[in-house]
Amino acid sequence: MNKIKLSKYLLLVVSLTLTATLVVVIQNSYNKLISAQNIVDRQLTAPFDPTIKTEVLDRIDSLLEAPSDFVAPIPAIPTPILTPIIP
């Protein structure tokens, strides 16, 4: 009779511990999820400066221009190697 009480008590303690652990893990995951959504929401509602910096665009355009004598190399296409089929 004493062993049955001990095993029931042990089963109760294990189940309560498992339940408490699961609650803590789920609560931490939920809190991290909610705090991440708040960060995204704040970034979406934050005001931004809509002016275009034309000097940056001019600099990018000057870097993208190729010299007038530039010829783009044609990539070499390798010829396919035929594999003989042996009957």
C-alpha atoms as a PDB file:
ATOM      1  CA  MET A   1       0.000   0.000   0.000  1.00  0.00           C
ATOM      2  CA  ASN A   2       2.863   2.350   0.778  1.00  0.00           C
ATOM      3  CA  LYS A   3       4.376   1.870  -2.712  1.00  0.00           C
ATOM      4  CA  ILE A   4       1.096   2.766  -4.412  1.00  0.00           C
ATOM      5  CA  LYS A   5       0.805   5.995  -2.403  1.00  0.00           C
ATOM      6  CA  LEU A   6       4.397   6.863  -3.204  1.00  0.00           C
ATOM      7  CA  SER A   7       3.951   6.241  -6.918  1.00  0.00           C
ATOM      8  CA  LYS A   8       0.697   8.260  -6.995  1.00  0.00           C
ATOM      9  CA  TYR A   9       2.444  11.091  -5.172  1.00  0.00           C
ATOM     10  CA  LEU A  10       5.388  10.899  -7.557  1.00  0.00           C
ATOM     11  CA  LEU A  11       3.042  10.885 -10.548  1.00  0.00           C
ATOM     12  CA  LEU A  12       1.254  13.951  -9.187  1.00  0.00           C
ATOM     13  CA  VAL A  13       4.512  15.846  -8.627  1.00  0.00           C
ATOM     14  CA  VAL A  14       5.811  14.941 -12.101  1.00  0.00           C
ATOM     15  CA  SER A  15       2.587  15.973 -13.817  1.00  0.00           C
ATOM     16  CA  LEU A  16       2.427  19.297 -11.952  1.00  0.00           C
ATOM     17  CA  THR A  17       6.075  19.996 -12.751  1.00  0.00           C
ATOM     18  CA  LEU A  18       5.536  19.206 -16.426  1.00  0.00           C
ATOM     19  CA  THR A  19       2.441  21.410 -16.540  1.00  0.00           C
ATOM     20  CA  ALA A  20       4.234  24.315 -14.867  1.00  0.00           C
ATOM     21  CA  THR A  21       7.203  23.957 -17.230  1.00  0.00           C
ATOM     22  CA  LEU A  22       4.960  23.945 -20.282  1.00  0.00           C
ATOM     23  CA  VAL A  23       3.113  27.039 -19.050  1.00  0.00           C
ATOM     24  CA  VAL A  24       6.379  28.918 -18.520  1.00  0.00           C
ATOM     25  CA  VAL A  25       7.738  27.971 -21.956  1.00  0.00           C
ATOM     26  CA  ILE A  26       4.510  28.903 -23.730  1.00  0.00           C
ATOM     27  CA  GLN A  27       4.287  32.205 -21.841  1.00  0.00           C
ATOM     28  CA  ASN A  28       7.882  33.135 -22.751  1.00  0.00           C
ATOM     29  CA  SER A  29       7.268  32.284 -26.406  1.00  0.00           C
ATOM     30  CA  TYR A  30       4.088  34.344 -26.449  1.00  0.00           C
ATOM     31  CA  ASN A  31       5.814  37.329 -24.839  1.00  0.00           C
ATOM     32  CA  LYS A  32       8.634  37.220 -27.392  1.00  0.00           C
ATOM     33  CA  LEU A  33       6.125  37.023 -30.231  1.00  0.00           C
ATOM     34  CA  ILE A  34       4.117  39.990 -28.963  1.00  0.00           C
ATOM     35  CA  SER A  35       7.202  42.119 -28.321  1.00  0.00           C
ATOM     36  CA  ALA A  36       8.462  41.411 -31.861  1.00  0.00           C
ATOM     37  CA  GLN A  37       5.130  42.530 -33.312  1.00  0.00           C
ATOM     38  CA  ASN A  38       5.284  45.751 -31.293  1.00  0.00           C
ATOM     39  CA  ILE A  39       8.723  46.531 -32.735  1.00  0.00           C
ATOM     40  CA  VAL A  40       7.450  46.004 -36.276  1.00  0.00           C
ATOM     41  CA  ASP A  41       4.364  48.118 -35.608  1.00  0.00           C
ATOM     42  CA  ARG A  42       6.479  50.974 -34.277  1.00  0.00           C
ATOM     43  CA  GLN A  43       8.742  50.832 -37.329  1.00  0.00           C
ATOM     44  CA  LEU A  44       5.758  50.936 -39.660  1.00  0.00           C
ATOM     45  CA  THR A  45       4.176  53.913 -37.935  1.00  0.00           C
ATOM     46  CA  ALA A  46       7.384  55.903 -37.509  1.00  0.00           C
ATOM     47  CA  PRO A  47       7.586  58.958 -39.782  1.00  0.00           C
ATOM     48  CA  PHE A  48      10.228  59.072 -42.480  1.00  0.00           C
ATOM     49  CA  ASP A  49      11.813  61.801 -44.579  1.00  0.00           C
ATOM     50  CA  PRO A  50      10.278  61.653 -48.086  1.00  0.00           C
ATOM     51  CA  THR A  51      12.833  63.936 -49.757  1.00  0.00           C
ATOM     52  CA  ILE A  52      14.998  62.474 -52.508  1.00  0.00           C
ATOM     53  CA  LYS A  53      18.690  63.177 -52.317  1.00  0.00           C
ATOM     54  CA  THR A  54      19.511  63.869 -55.944  1.00  0.00           C
ATOM     55  CA  GLU A  55      23.268  64.031 -55.358  1.00  0.00           C
ATOM     56  CA  VAL A  56      23.223  60.380 -54.351  1.00  0.00           C
ATOM     57  CA  LEU A  57      21.275  59.467 -57.489  1.00  0.00           C
ATOM     58  CA  ASP A  58      23.725  61.441 -59.659  1.00  0.00           C
ATOM     59  CA  ARG A  59      26.652  59.641 -58.053  1.00  0.00           C
ATOM     60  CA  ILE A  60      25.037  56.253 -58.696  1.00  0.00           C
ATOM     61  CA  ASP A  61      24.383  57.194 -62.328  1.00  0.00           C
ATOM     62  CA  SER A  62      28.005  58.251 -62.794  1.00  0.00           C
ATOM     63  CA  LEU A  63      29.205  54.937 -61.399  1.00  0.00           C
ATOM     64  CA  LEU A  64      26.904  52.947 -63.678  1.00  0.00           C
ATOM     65  CA  GLU A  65      27.998  54.596 -66.930  1.00  0.00           C
ATOM     66  CA  ALA A  66      30.393  52.529 -69.005  1.00  0.00           C
ATOM     67  CA  PRO A  67      33.060  54.067 -71.256  1.00  0.00           C
ATOM     68  CA  SER A  68      32.037  54.619 -74.865  1.00  0.00           C
ATOM     69  CA  ASP A  69      34.597  52.102 -76.156  1.00  0.00           C
ATOM     70  CA  PHE A  70      33.521  49.372 -73.748  1.00  0.00           C
ATOM     71  CA  VAL A  71      32.427  46.117 -75.358  1.00  0.00           C
ATOM     72  CA  ALA A  72      30.790  43.540 -73.149  1.00  0.00           C
ATOM     73  CA  PRO A  73      32.491  40.142 -73.427  1.00  0.00           C
ATOM     74  CA  ILE A  74      30.388  37.334 -74.810  1.00  0.00           C
ATOM     75  CA  PRO A  75      30.469  34.407 -72.423  1.00  0.00           C
ATOM     76  CA  ALA A  76      31.762  31.176 -73.886  1.00  0.00           C
ATOM     77  CA  ILE A  77      29.102  28.506 -74.073  1.00  0.00           C
ATOM     78  CA  PRO A  78      30.629  25.073 -73.586  1.00  0.00           C
ATOM     79  CA  THR A  79      29.762  22.496 -76.193  1.00  0.00           C
ATOM     80  CA  PRO A  80      27.787  19.567 -74.816  1.00  0.00           C
ATOM     81  CA  ILE A  81      29.627  16.289 -74.424  1.00  0.00           C
ATOM     82  CA  LEU A  82      27.756  13.392 -75.943  1.00  0.00           C
ATOM     83  CA  THR A  83      27.642  10.250 -73.893  1.00  0.00           C
ATOM     84  CA  PRO A  84      27.651   7.154 -76.082  1.00  0.00           C
ATOM     85  CA  ILE A  85      24.887   4.686 -75.419  1.00  0.00           C
ATOM     86  CA  ILE A  86      26.148   1.124 -75.411  1.00  0.00           C
ATOM     87  CA  PRO A  87      23.497  -1.447 -76.346  1.00  0.00           C
END
